[in-house]
Amino acid sequence: YTSGYLSSAELFDLATGTWSETGAMTTARELHTATLLPNGKVLVAGGLGSAVLSSAELYDPDAGAWTTTGAMTSVRVDHTATLLCNGKVLVAGGNPMGESSELYTPATGVWTATSPLAFYRALHTATLLPEGKVLVAGGFGNGGLLSSAELFDPDTETRVLTEAMAYARELH
């Protein structure tokens, strides 16, 4: 593996099993998140470029082009991004802002801070559950690998610790 920040993007055609180039991102990056939005656009947020990034951009598949959108309130890499049932995107944790979380509103392109994580965590998972809550689990924190887990409720924008996993893990 060689580290390299790329601005290039490619599309996969499921019918033919082939890749093709599309418009380049406005910022070269790696270790970012990419989230498919309900309107068909793709939100790319954060990551690592010449430094840790707070920038975000949207890919429009109809135009084959990227445009910048509002920047996150914090720089972050190794974070998660989860599309919520209400259409917003929850970004949680990552380095160096491991306890912070924020919400992206696609209609306005604005990020707003929301309740922080109970623990500093990066390289964790964030899974949307059927009832609309997000389970954030594991990762790497100030004390090493984490087994802790917490639930984010998008209706109240609050977090509650839940039972820990049997084993600490990251990148799962």
Protein backbone atom coordinates (compact mmCIF):
# COMPACT_ATOMS: atom_id res chain seq x y z
CA TYR A 1 0.00 0.00 0.00
CA THR A 2 1.29 3.39 -0.94
CA SER A 3 -0.39 6.42 0.49
CA GLY A 4 -1.66 8.87 -2.05
CA TYR A 5 -4.38 11.44 -2.09
CA LEU A 6 -6.52 11.10 -5.18
CA SER A 7 -9.07 13.41 -6.70
CA SER A 8 -10.04 10.97 -9.44
CA ALA A 9 -13.33 9.08 -9.24
CA GLU A 10 -14.72 6.06 -11.06
CA LEU A 11 -18.14 4.55 -11.61
CA PHE A 12 -18.93 0.85 -11.55
CA ASP A 13 -21.50 -0.43 -14.05
CA LEU A 14 -23.20 -3.40 -12.44
CA ALA A 15 -24.70 -4.58 -15.74
CA THR A 16 -21.35 -4.85 -17.52
CA GLY A 17 -19.04 -5.30 -14.53
CA THR A 18 -16.80 -2.50 -15.76
CA TRP A 19 -15.34 0.72 -14.35
CA SER A 20 -15.25 4.11 -16.08
CA GLU A 21 -13.78 7.45 -15.09
CA THR A 22 -16.04 10.32 -14.10
CA GLY A 23 -15.43 13.89 -12.96
CA ALA A 24 -12.64 14.50 -10.45
CA MET A 25 -13.33 15.56 -6.87
CA THR A 26 -12.55 19.17 -6.01
CA THR A 27 -10.11 18.04 -3.29
CA ALA A 28 -7.69 15.12 -3.42
CA ARG A 29 -8.27 12.92 -0.36
CA GLU A 30 -8.08 9.46 1.18
CA LEU A 31 -9.61 7.84 4.28
CA HIS A 32 -12.82 9.86 3.81
CA THR A 33 -16.44 8.72 3.95
CA ALA A 34 -18.85 8.48 1.02
CA THR A 35 -22.60 8.44 1.64
CA LEU A 36 -25.34 7.91 -0.94
CA LEU A 37 -28.07 10.49 -0.30
CA PRO A 38 -31.79 9.97 -1.02
CA ASN A 39 -31.60 12.40 -3.97
CA GLY A 40 -29.01 10.17 -5.70
CA LYS A 41 -26.04 12.42 -4.98
CA VAL A 42 -23.01 11.19 -3.02
CA LEU A 43 -21.64 13.12 -0.04
CA VAL A 44 -17.87 12.80 0.52
CA ALA A 45 -16.62 14.21 3.82
CA GLY A 46 -13.31 14.70 5.58
CA GLY A 47 -10.35 12.44 5.16
CA LEU A 48 -6.70 13.13 4.67
CA GLY A 49 -5.18 15.36 2.01
CA SER A 50 -2.18 17.56 2.61
CA ALA A 51 -3.66 17.72 6.15
CA VAL A 52 -6.73 16.30 7.93
CA LEU A 53 -9.77 17.78 6.14
CA SER A 54 -13.08 19.31 7.18
CA SER A 55 -14.18 19.88 3.59
CA ALA A 56 -17.09 18.07 1.99
CA GLU A 57 -18.35 17.76 -1.56
CA LEU A 58 -21.25 16.30 -3.52
CA TYR A 59 -21.13 14.10 -6.60
CA ASP A 60 -24.02 14.55 -9.02
CA PRO A 61 -24.29 11.39 -11.15
CA ASP A 62 -26.48 13.15 -13.73
CA ALA A 63 -23.83 15.80 -14.36
CA GLY A 64 -20.83 13.55 -13.65
CA ALA A 65 -19.42 16.41 -11.59
CA TRP A 66 -18.45 17.32 -8.03
CA THR A 67 -19.31 20.55 -6.19
CA THR A 68 -18.26 21.72 -2.77
CA THR A 69 -20.81 21.86 0.02
CA GLY A 70 -20.58 23.17 3.56
CA ALA A 71 -17.47 22.13 5.50
CA MET A 72 -17.79 20.03 8.64
CA THR A 73 -17.41 21.85 11.95
CA SER A 74 -14.27 19.79 12.65
CA VAL A 75 -11.47 18.17 10.67
CA ARG A 76 -11.65 14.38 10.84
CA VAL A 77 -10.31 11.13 9.43
CA ASP A 78 -11.15 7.51 10.41
CA HIS A 79 -14.71 8.62 11.21
CA THR A 80 -18.08 7.16 10.23
CA ALA A 81 -20.94 8.66 8.22
CA THR A 82 -24.44 7.20 8.50
CA LEU A 83 -27.50 8.19 6.48
CA LEU A 84 -30.38 8.61 8.92
CA CYS A 85 -34.06 7.90 8.21
CA ASN A 86 -34.77 11.65 8.24
CA GLY A 87 -32.34 12.17 5.33
CA LYS A 88 -29.59 13.79 7.42
CA VAL A 89 -26.10 12.30 7.70
CA LEU A 90 -24.53 11.62 11.12
CA VAL A 91 -20.75 11.90 11.19
CA ALA A 92 -19.20 10.55 14.38
CA GLY A 93 -15.75 10.37 15.90
CA GLY A 94 -12.52 10.01 14.00
CA ASN A 95 -9.17 11.67 14.48
CA PRO A 96 -8.44 14.16 15.91
CA MET A 97 -12.02 14.91 17.04
CA GLY A 98 -12.84 11.49 18.49
CA GLU A 99 -15.70 12.49 20.78
CA SER A 100 -17.48 14.99 18.55
CA SER A 101 -20.38 14.32 16.22
CA GLU A 102 -22.23 16.42 13.69
CA LEU A 103 -25.22 16.27 11.38
CA TYR A 104 -25.30 17.24 7.69
CA THR A 105 -28.58 18.53 6.28
CA PRO A 106 -28.59 17.94 2.49
CA ALA A 107 -31.31 20.54 1.82
CA THR A 108 -29.14 23.34 3.22
CA GLY A 109 -25.60 21.95 2.94
CA VAL A 110 -25.06 22.89 6.59
CA TRP A 111 -23.32 20.88 9.32
CA THR A 112 -24.36 21.28 12.96
CA ALA A 113 -22.78 19.84 16.09
CA THR A 114 -24.81 17.22 17.94
CA SER A 115 -24.33 15.26 21.17
CA PRO A 116 -20.78 13.97 21.59
CA LEU A 117 -19.77 10.34 21.84
CA ALA A 118 -19.29 8.96 25.34
CA PHE A 119 -15.72 8.00 24.48
CA TYR A 120 -13.06 9.20 22.09
CA ARG A 121 -13.23 6.74 19.21
CA ALA A 122 -11.91 6.30 15.69
CA LEU A 123 -11.88 3.27 13.36
CA HIS A 124 -15.26 2.23 14.82
CA THR A 125 -18.54 1.21 13.19
CA ALA A 126 -21.85 3.08 13.06
CA THR A 127 -24.85 1.02 11.99
CA LEU A 128 -28.36 2.29 11.29
CA LEU A 129 -30.81 0.05 13.13
CA PRO A 130 -34.34 -0.75 11.86
CA GLU A 131 -36.00 1.62 14.35
CA GLY A 132 -33.80 4.52 13.20
CA LYS A 133 -31.22 4.66 15.98
CA VAL A 134 -27.49 4.33 15.23
CA LEU A 135 -25.33 1.78 17.05
CA VAL A 136 -21.76 3.06 17.41
CA ALA A 137 -19.40 0.30 18.53
CA GLY A 138 -15.75 -0.45 19.17
CA GLY A 139 -12.89 1.39 17.56
CA PHE A 140 -9.72 2.84 18.95
CA GLY A 141 -9.78 5.33 21.83
CA ASN A 142 -7.51 7.02 24.32
CA GLY A 143 -6.95 3.76 26.20
CA GLY A 144 -6.48 1.51 23.15
CA LEU A 145 -9.03 -0.80 21.54
CA LEU A 146 -12.64 -0.32 22.64
CA SER A 147 -15.42 -2.80 23.39
CA SER A 148 -17.90 -0.08 24.40
CA ALA A 149 -21.04 0.67 22.41
CA GLU A 150 -23.60 3.46 22.42
CA LEU A 151 -26.89 4.30 20.73
CA PHE A 152 -27.61 7.64 19.02
CA ASP A 153 -31.27 8.64 18.82
CA PRO A 154 -31.77 11.09 15.92
CA ASP A 155 -35.17 12.19 17.23
CA THR A 156 -33.69 13.53 20.47
CA GLU A 157 -30.06 13.85 19.32
CA THR A 158 -28.95 12.04 22.46
CA ARG A 159 -26.67 9.10 23.16
CA VAL A 160 -27.00 6.28 25.63
CA LEU A 161 -24.30 3.75 26.51
CA THR A 162 -25.39 0.18 25.91
CA GLU A 163 -23.87 -3.16 26.78
CA ALA A 164 -20.26 -3.51 25.67
CA MET A 165 -19.16 -6.12 23.16
CA ALA A 166 -17.43 -9.22 24.52
CA TYR A 167 -14.18 -8.23 22.79
CA ALA A 168 -12.54 -4.93 21.96
CA ARG A 169 -12.09 -4.35 18.23
CA GLU A 170 -11.35 -1.77 15.55
CA LEU A 171 -11.72 -1.70 11.76
CA HIS A 172 -14.52 -4.27 11.99
